[in-house]
Amino acid sequence: MICTSSKQLNFAEFITQYGDNTSYELIDGELRDMQPNGVYEAVAGSIAGRIYSAFQMNEPHHHHQNLVGTFRCAT
């Protein structure tokens, strides 16, 4: 996290200026840039991929999916 401003903001100022921008958070009156980078981004991607795979494997009617559609493996 990188502090992007030295001025303390209150909640109303934060919402007015950054309300629609999910890249920033207000923490103890300080504006923080919440963009993931480097190692943190890689870890988050790995965790998301593992969660996705776990959900896919635990579906009641598990089908293999690709970008074109759903197909069943030939037996």
Protein backbone atom coordinates (compact mmCIF):
# COMPACT_ATOMS: atom_id res chain seq x y z
CA MET A 1 0.00 0.00 0.00
CA ILE A 2 1.19 3.45 -0.82
CA CYS A 3 -0.14 6.58 0.82
CA THR A 4 -1.12 8.93 -1.99
CA SER A 5 -1.91 12.08 -0.04
CA SER A 6 -0.58 13.80 3.07
CA LYS A 7 -3.91 15.58 3.71
CA GLN A 8 -6.30 13.83 6.09
CA LEU A 9 -9.69 13.16 4.51
CA ASN A 10 -13.01 12.65 6.20
CA PHE A 11 -15.52 10.12 4.92
CA ALA A 12 -17.67 12.69 3.07
CA GLU A 13 -14.62 14.09 1.21
CA PHE A 14 -13.47 10.57 0.32
CA ILE A 15 -16.89 9.60 -1.09
CA THR A 16 -17.15 12.84 -3.04
CA GLN A 17 -13.70 12.51 -4.61
CA TYR A 18 -13.16 8.75 -4.86
CA GLY A 19 -16.56 7.11 -4.27
CA ASP A 20 -16.70 5.28 -7.61
CA ASN A 21 -13.01 4.38 -7.71
CA THR A 22 -12.33 0.99 -6.10
CA SER A 23 -8.56 1.51 -6.40
CA TYR A 24 -8.48 3.58 -3.22
CA GLU A 25 -9.49 3.07 0.41
CA LEU A 26 -9.72 5.49 3.30
CA ILE A 27 -7.76 4.14 6.27
CA ASP A 28 -7.56 6.29 9.42
CA GLY A 29 -8.16 9.40 7.34
CA GLU A 30 -5.39 8.56 4.85
CA LEU A 31 -6.01 7.80 1.20
CA ARG A 32 -4.41 4.46 0.26
CA ASP A 33 -3.78 3.05 -3.19
CA MET A 34 -5.05 -0.54 -3.11
CA GLN A 35 -3.77 -1.76 -6.48
CA PRO A 36 -2.21 -5.22 -6.20
CA ASN A 37 1.33 -5.56 -7.46
CA GLY A 38 4.18 -8.02 -7.73
CA VAL A 39 4.15 -10.95 -5.33
CA TYR A 40 0.76 -10.04 -3.86
CA GLU A 41 -0.87 -10.15 -7.30
CA ALA A 42 0.68 -13.55 -8.03
CA VAL A 43 -0.45 -14.98 -4.69
CA ALA A 44 -3.99 -13.64 -5.15
CA GLY A 45 -4.15 -15.14 -8.65
CA SER A 46 -2.93 -18.50 -7.41
CA ILE A 47 -5.48 -18.58 -4.59
CA ALA A 48 -8.31 -17.57 -6.95
CA GLY A 49 -7.31 -20.32 -9.38
CA ARG A 50 -7.28 -22.97 -6.67
CA ILE A 51 -10.69 -21.88 -5.37
CA TYR A 52 -12.11 -21.97 -8.91
CA SER A 53 -10.68 -25.47 -9.48
CA ALA A 54 -12.10 -26.72 -6.18
CA PHE A 55 -15.57 -25.47 -7.11
CA GLN A 56 -15.32 -27.01 -10.57
CA MET A 57 -14.25 -30.41 -9.18
CA ASN A 58 -17.07 -30.46 -6.61
CA GLU A 59 -19.95 -29.79 -9.01
CA PRO A 60 -22.55 -32.60 -8.90
CA HIS A 61 -22.39 -33.15 -12.69
CA HIS A 62 -18.76 -32.36 -13.39
CA HIS A 63 -18.11 -31.57 -17.05
CA HIS A 64 -14.86 -30.44 -18.58
CA GLN A 65 -15.17 -26.92 -19.91
CA ASN A 66 -13.18 -24.99 -22.47
CA LEU A 67 -13.69 -21.57 -24.05
CA VAL A 68 -16.01 -23.00 -26.72
CA GLY A 69 -18.45 -24.85 -24.46
CA THR A 70 -19.09 -27.91 -22.34
CA PHE A 71 -18.23 -31.45 -23.40
CA ARG A 72 -18.08 -34.86 -21.78
CA CYS A 73 -15.05 -37.12 -21.95
CA ALA A 74 -15.59 -40.21 -24.09
CA THR A 75 -15.63 -43.45 -22.16
